[in-house]
């Protein structure tokens, strides 16, 4: 067992993971609700970038529907960001222990 080789591999993996995290911060995913009436865009790091609302869905007598559409769009966009992060980190870790025992 070559400890030096293992250390180099671990350092490379750590460096690769940091690069992926930086890429995720710049990546954007979007999701829509209500047939495209509300669209949420988030980064791969799960920061909300924008929320677009069609004027057609704005009804002062039905604010609850708009709230539900925004919630649905943001939730789906966050799920997509999670999936993107999982996919990209798996490329680096090779799927080690579901993200290195929860460290990711």
C-alpha atoms as a PDB file:
ATOM      1  CA  UNK A   1       0.000   0.000   0.000  1.00  0.00           C
ATOM      2  CA  UNK A   2       1.581   3.280  -1.162  1.00  0.00           C
ATOM      3  CA  UNK A   3       0.566   6.015   1.306  1.00  0.00           C
ATOM      4  CA  UNK A   4       2.154   8.766  -0.819  1.00  0.00           C
ATOM      5  CA  UNK A   5       0.128   7.697  -3.853  1.00  0.00           C
ATOM      6  CA  UNK A   6      -3.071   7.647  -1.798  1.00  0.00           C
ATOM      7  CA  UNK A   7      -2.323  11.146  -0.454  1.00  0.00           C
ATOM      8  CA  UNK A   8      -1.763  12.488  -3.975  1.00  0.00           C
ATOM      9  CA  UNK A   9      -5.047  10.903  -5.118  1.00  0.00           C
ATOM     10  CA  UNK A  10      -6.901  12.398  -2.153  1.00  0.00           C
ATOM     11  CA  UNK A  11      -5.413  15.836  -2.834  1.00  0.00           C
ATOM     12  CA  UNK A  12      -6.381  15.606  -6.513  1.00  0.00           C
ATOM     13  CA  UNK A  13      -9.920  14.570  -5.583  1.00  0.00           C
ATOM     14  CA  UNK A  14     -10.183  17.494  -3.164  1.00  0.00           C
ATOM     15  CA  UNK A  15      -8.943  19.885  -5.840  1.00  0.00           C
ATOM     16  CA  UNK A  16     -11.378  18.432  -8.377  1.00  0.00           C
ATOM     17  CA  UNK A  17     -14.255  18.759  -5.898  1.00  0.00           C
ATOM     18  CA  UNK A  18     -13.424  22.416  -5.300  1.00  0.00           C
ATOM     19  CA  UNK A  19     -13.427  23.019  -9.054  1.00  0.00           C
ATOM     20  CA  UNK A  20     -16.842  21.351  -9.372  1.00  0.00           C
ATOM     21  CA  UNK A  21     -18.204  23.478  -6.530  1.00  0.00           C
ATOM     22  CA  UNK A  22     -17.043  26.607  -8.361  1.00  0.00           C
ATOM     23  CA  UNK A  23     -18.684  25.369 -11.561  1.00  0.00           C
ATOM     24  CA  UNK A  24     -21.917  24.705  -9.683  1.00  0.00           C
ATOM     25  CA  UNK A  25     -21.940  28.264  -8.350  1.00  0.00           C
ATOM     26  CA  UNK A  26     -21.909  29.519 -11.933  1.00  0.00           C
ATOM     27  CA  UNK A  27     -24.311  26.914 -13.368  1.00  0.00           C
ATOM     28  CA  UNK A  28     -28.007  27.760 -13.609  1.00  0.00           C
ATOM     29  CA  UNK A  29     -31.084  25.541 -13.784  1.00  0.00           C
ATOM     30  CA  UNK A  30     -34.671  26.618 -14.341  1.00  0.00           C
ATOM     31  CA  UNK A  31     -38.059  25.112 -13.675  1.00  0.00           C
ATOM     32  CA  UNK A  32     -41.578  26.235 -14.500  1.00  0.00           C
ATOM     33  CA  UNK A  33     -45.008  25.780 -12.977  1.00  0.00           C
ATOM     34  CA  UNK A  34     -48.476  26.463 -14.276  1.00  0.00           C
ATOM     35  CA  UNK A  35     -47.575  25.665 -17.843  1.00  0.00           C
ATOM     36  CA  UNK A  36     -44.757  28.199 -17.864  1.00  0.00           C
ATOM     37  CA  UNK A  37     -46.648  30.924 -16.042  1.00  0.00           C
ATOM     38  CA  UNK A  38     -43.984  31.036 -13.314  1.00  0.00           C
ATOM     39  CA  UNK A  39     -40.320  30.220 -13.915  1.00  0.00           C
ATOM     40  CA  UNK A  40     -37.639  30.043 -11.232  1.00  0.00           C
ATOM     41  CA  UNK A  41     -33.923  30.013 -11.992  1.00  0.00           C
ATOM     42  CA  UNK A  42     -31.382  28.935  -9.372  1.00  0.00           C
ATOM     43  CA  UNK A  43     -27.658  28.287  -9.397  1.00  0.00           C
ATOM     44  CA  UNK A  44     -26.190  24.867  -8.866  1.00  0.00           C
ATOM     45  CA  UNK A  45     -25.287  26.166  -5.392  1.00  0.00           C
ATOM     46  CA  UNK A  46     -29.035  26.707  -4.791  1.00  0.00           C
ATOM     47  CA  UNK A  47     -29.086  30.500  -4.861  1.00  0.00           C
ATOM     48  CA  UNK A  48     -32.201  31.973  -6.448  1.00  0.00           C
ATOM     49  CA  UNK A  49     -31.197  34.007  -9.495  1.00  0.00           C
ATOM     50  CA  UNK A  50     -34.615  35.043 -10.777  1.00  0.00           C
ATOM     51  CA  UNK A  51     -38.331  34.444 -10.707  1.00  0.00           C
ATOM     52  CA  UNK A  52     -40.355  35.302 -13.793  1.00  0.00           C
ATOM     53  CA  UNK A  53     -44.133  35.661 -13.520  1.00  0.00           C
ATOM     54  CA  UNK A  54     -46.394  35.980 -16.531  1.00  0.00           C
ATOM     55  CA  UNK A  55     -48.774  38.927 -16.201  1.00  0.00           C
ATOM     56  CA  UNK A  56     -51.563  36.535 -17.198  1.00  0.00           C
ATOM     57  CA  UNK A  57     -51.291  34.706 -13.873  1.00  0.00           C
ATOM     58  CA  UNK A  58     -51.513  37.820 -11.684  1.00  0.00           C
ATOM     59  CA  UNK A  59     -55.014  37.926 -10.205  1.00  0.00           C
ATOM     60  CA  UNK A  60     -55.534  40.057  -7.105  1.00  0.00           C
ATOM     61  CA  UNK A  61     -58.434  37.803  -6.137  1.00  0.00           C
ATOM     62  CA  UNK A  62     -56.349  34.623  -6.284  1.00  0.00           C
ATOM     63  CA  UNK A  63     -52.988  35.412  -4.711  1.00  0.00           C
ATOM     64  CA  UNK A  64     -52.857  31.919  -3.217  1.00  0.00           C
ATOM     65  CA  UNK A  65     -52.607  30.337  -6.680  1.00  0.00           C
ATOM     66  CA  UNK A  66     -49.655  32.578  -7.553  1.00  0.00           C
ATOM     67  CA  UNK A  67     -47.961  31.700  -4.267  1.00  0.00           C
ATOM     68  CA  UNK A  68     -48.460  27.996  -5.006  1.00  0.00           C
ATOM     69  CA  UNK A  69     -47.007  28.372  -8.511  1.00  0.00           C
ATOM     70  CA  UNK A  70     -43.943  30.235  -7.229  1.00  0.00           C
ATOM     71  CA  UNK A  71     -43.417  27.626  -4.516  1.00  0.00           C
ATOM     72  CA  UNK A  72     -43.721  24.783  -7.035  1.00  0.00           C
ATOM     73  CA  UNK A  73     -41.318  26.386  -9.513  1.00  0.00           C
ATOM     74  CA  UNK A  74     -38.702  27.163  -6.860  1.00  0.00           C
ATOM     75  CA  UNK A  75     -38.992  23.671  -5.359  1.00  0.00           C
ATOM     76  CA  UNK A  76     -38.509  22.010  -8.733  1.00  0.00           C
ATOM     77  CA  UNK A  77     -35.566  24.275  -9.589  1.00  0.00           C
ATOM     78  CA  UNK A  78     -33.930  23.388  -6.246  1.00  0.00           C
ATOM     79  CA  UNK A  79     -34.458  19.688  -6.986  1.00  0.00           C
ATOM     80  CA  UNK A  80     -32.755  20.180 -10.354  1.00  0.00           C
ATOM     81  CA  UNK A  81     -29.860  21.967  -8.633  1.00  0.00           C
ATOM     82  CA  UNK A  82     -29.505  19.029  -6.220  1.00  0.00           C
ATOM     83  CA  UNK A  83     -29.470  16.567  -9.110  1.00  0.00           C
ATOM     84  CA  UNK A  84     -26.878  18.649 -10.988  1.00  0.00           C
ATOM     85  CA  UNK A  85     -24.644  18.789  -7.903  1.00  0.00           C
ATOM     86  CA  UNK A  86     -24.994  15.045  -7.328  1.00  0.00           C
ATOM     87  CA  UNK A  87     -24.182  14.265 -10.963  1.00  0.00           C
ATOM     88  CA  UNK A  88     -21.136  16.534 -11.050  1.00  0.00           C
ATOM     89  CA  UNK A  89     -19.745  15.373  -7.700  1.00  0.00           C
ATOM     90  CA  UNK A  90     -20.212  11.720  -8.674  1.00  0.00           C
ATOM     91  CA  UNK A  91     -17.981  12.380 -11.681  1.00  0.00           C
ATOM     92  CA  UNK A  92     -15.225  13.396  -9.256  1.00  0.00           C
ATOM     93  CA  UNK A  93     -15.791  10.902  -6.442  1.00  0.00           C
ATOM     94  CA  UNK A  94     -16.898   7.963  -8.547  1.00  0.00           C
ATOM     95  CA  UNK A  95     -19.893   7.619  -6.247  1.00  0.00           C
ATOM     96  CA  UNK A  96     -17.820   6.851  -3.151  1.00  0.00           C
ATOM     97  CA  UNK A  97     -20.177   6.092  -0.307  1.00  0.00           C
ATOM     98  CA  UNK A  98     -22.995   8.390  -1.441  1.00  0.00           C
ATOM     99  CA  UNK A  99     -20.830  11.504  -1.265  1.00  0.00           C
ATOM    100  CA  UNK A 100     -18.067  10.353   1.056  1.00  0.00           C
ATOM    101  CA  UNK A 101     -20.288   9.493   3.977  1.00  0.00           C
ATOM    102  CA  UNK A 102     -22.352  12.667   3.819  1.00  0.00           C
ATOM    103  CA  UNK A 103     -19.389  15.025   3.652  1.00  0.00           C
ATOM    104  CA  UNK A 104     -20.600  16.432   0.311  1.00  0.00           C
END
